[in-house]
Every structure is written in C-alpha cells, then in structure tokens.
C-alpha cells in the first residue's frame, strides 16, 4: 500500500539510493516530513499517526494485533497529559524494555535451535 507520507528516496538522482528500482513502491518513513507536520499542524500530525498505527495493526496477525493494541493503549495512557520531554522519556523506557524482552526471546530461540541441532546430530 502506498501512502503519501512515505516516499522513495532518490536524493535527486535517477536511481533511488535505498536500493529500490525506479517504479518500485517503497514505503519509507520521512522523519523531516513528520517533524515539520508536528511543528506546523499538531492535529494533522496526530491524525496521520493514528492512521498509520491503524494501518499497521490491520496488517498484523490478529493474535499479535490484540496484544499490540493493548500495549499501545497502555503506552498512550501513560503519555496522556505529559509534555514532550516526559513523553520522550516514557517512550524510551518502553523501547528499552521492549529491546530487553526481544534480547531474552532471541537468546531463548538460539538455545532452542542449539538443542534441536544437538538432538538431530
């Protein structure tokens, strides 16, 4: 799905610099575009953010989407009423916790693969 806030990055060249071929639809986050929108029209930024989150959740497996929606709801509840610096701090704490959990799960996966390889060999 091509969204107007994603674009193929070309840096003025005929070929995109991100490995895409001309004509490919590449969905890429444009931080500067989002930042400008936030500065000039916070309501439009929030509407876009909500739309992107809804699209991403709609693409997810239903079992995953339920957990993701619940986590998003909890995070947004914690962010409500906070200023930008507090929102950033809270979001960073959540991101660090998520990375820690991902690391643990990756380690568990590696150990499981090693056990399976050992039992097959």
Protein backbone atom coordinates (compact mmCIF):
# COMPACT_ATOMS: atom_id res chain seq x y z
CA UNK A 1 0.00 0.00 0.00
CA UNK A 2 1.43 3.37 -0.97
CA UNK A 3 0.82 6.23 1.42
CA UNK A 4 1.56 9.87 0.56
CA UNK A 5 3.74 10.30 3.65
CA UNK A 6 6.12 7.57 2.50
CA UNK A 7 8.33 8.09 -0.46
CA UNK A 8 11.15 6.63 -2.50
CA UNK A 9 14.37 8.39 -1.54
CA UNK A 10 16.33 9.45 -4.62
CA UNK A 11 18.48 12.41 -3.46
CA UNK A 12 17.89 13.99 -6.86
CA UNK A 13 19.32 11.03 -8.76
CA UNK A 14 17.62 8.90 -11.35
CA UNK A 15 18.15 5.79 -9.22
CA UNK A 16 16.94 5.62 -5.63
CA UNK A 17 19.70 5.50 -3.04
CA UNK A 18 17.86 2.93 -0.93
CA UNK A 19 18.23 0.01 -3.35
CA UNK A 20 14.81 0.31 -4.95
CA UNK A 21 14.37 0.36 -8.69
CA UNK A 22 12.57 3.19 -10.44
CA UNK A 23 8.87 2.36 -10.37
CA UNK A 24 9.05 0.33 -7.17
CA UNK A 25 6.77 1.40 -4.39
CA UNK A 26 8.97 1.71 -1.33
CA UNK A 27 7.38 2.71 1.92
CA UNK A 28 9.90 4.75 3.82
CA UNK A 29 9.47 6.87 6.90
CA UNK A 30 10.41 10.51 6.26
CA UNK A 31 11.36 11.94 9.64
CA UNK A 32 11.71 15.51 8.39
CA UNK A 33 8.24 15.43 6.85
CA UNK A 34 6.72 14.15 10.09
CA UNK A 35 8.68 16.66 12.21
CA UNK A 36 7.56 19.56 10.00
CA UNK A 37 3.96 18.41 10.21
CA UNK A 38 4.20 18.15 14.01
CA UNK A 39 5.59 21.68 14.25
CA UNK A 40 3.09 23.27 11.87
CA UNK A 41 -0.08 21.27 12.45
CA UNK A 42 -0.07 19.03 15.54
CA UNK A 43 -3.68 17.92 14.92
CA UNK A 44 -2.82 16.73 11.39
CA UNK A 45 0.26 15.00 12.76
CA UNK A 46 -1.85 13.15 15.32
CA UNK A 47 -4.41 12.18 12.67
CA UNK A 48 -1.64 10.83 10.44
CA UNK A 49 -0.04 8.98 13.36
CA UNK A 50 -3.35 7.36 14.27
CA UNK A 51 -3.97 6.38 10.63
CA UNK A 52 -0.53 4.78 10.26
CA UNK A 53 -0.91 2.88 13.53
CA UNK A 54 -4.35 1.64 12.46
CA UNK A 55 -2.97 0.50 9.07
CA UNK A 56 -0.04 -1.31 10.67
CA UNK A 57 -2.27 -3.02 13.24
CA UNK A 58 -4.68 -4.06 10.47
CA UNK A 59 -1.80 -5.78 8.64
CA UNK A 60 -0.73 -7.75 11.71
CA UNK A 61 -1.81 -11.26 12.57
CA UNK A 62 -4.98 -10.95 14.71
CA UNK A 63 -3.32 -12.63 17.70
CA UNK A 64 -0.42 -10.19 17.56
CA UNK A 65 -2.66 -7.22 16.85
CA UNK A 66 -4.66 -7.75 20.05
CA UNK A 67 -1.52 -7.58 22.18
CA UNK A 68 -0.15 -4.66 20.18
CA UNK A 69 -3.38 -2.68 20.57
CA UNK A 70 -3.40 -3.34 24.32
CA UNK A 71 0.25 -2.28 24.67
CA UNK A 72 -0.38 0.83 22.58
CA UNK A 73 -3.41 1.71 24.70
CA UNK A 74 -1.34 1.33 27.90
CA UNK A 75 1.50 3.42 26.50
CA UNK A 76 -0.80 6.16 25.26
CA UNK A 77 -2.47 6.20 28.68
CA UNK A 78 0.91 6.80 30.30
CA UNK A 79 1.77 9.53 27.77
CA UNK A 80 -1.50 11.42 28.14
CA UNK A 81 -1.08 14.88 29.61
CA UNK A 82 2.73 14.80 29.58
CA UNK A 83 4.91 17.37 27.90
CA UNK A 84 7.20 16.40 25.01
CA UNK A 85 10.26 15.66 27.17
CA UNK A 86 8.25 13.44 29.52
CA UNK A 87 6.70 11.67 26.52
CA UNK A 88 10.15 11.02 25.07
CA UNK A 89 11.45 9.71 28.40
CA UNK A 90 8.46 7.39 28.86
CA UNK A 91 8.71 6.15 25.26
CA UNK A 92 12.43 5.46 25.67
CA UNK A 93 11.75 3.43 28.83
CA UNK A 94 9.16 1.38 26.94
CA UNK A 95 11.53 0.93 24.00
CA UNK A 96 14.37 -0.23 26.28
CA UNK A 97 12.04 -2.73 27.98
CA UNK A 98 10.93 -4.00 24.58
CA UNK A 99 14.54 -4.41 23.42
CA UNK A 100 15.40 -6.29 26.62
CA UNK A 101 12.47 -8.65 26.09
CA UNK A 102 13.46 -9.13 22.44
CA UNK A 103 17.02 -9.94 23.50
CA UNK A 104 15.77 -12.53 26.00
CA UNK A 105 13.49 -14.11 23.41
CA UNK A 106 16.31 -14.20 20.83
CA UNK A 107 18.59 -15.88 23.35
CA UNK A 108 15.86 -18.44 24.12
CA UNK A 109 15.42 -19.08 20.40
CA UNK A 110 19.17 -19.57 19.93
CA UNK A 111 19.27 -22.06 22.80
CA UNK A 112 16.29 -23.95 21.38
CA UNK A 113 17.93 -24.14 17.95
CA UNK A 114 21.14 -25.43 19.54
CA UNK A 115 19.18 -28.13 21.42
CA UNK A 116 17.33 -29.18 18.26
CA UNK A 117 20.59 -29.34 16.29
CA UNK A 118 22.15 -31.40 19.08
CA UNK A 119 19.29 -33.88 19.12
CA UNK A 120 19.29 -34.26 15.32
CA UNK A 121 23.07 -34.77 15.04
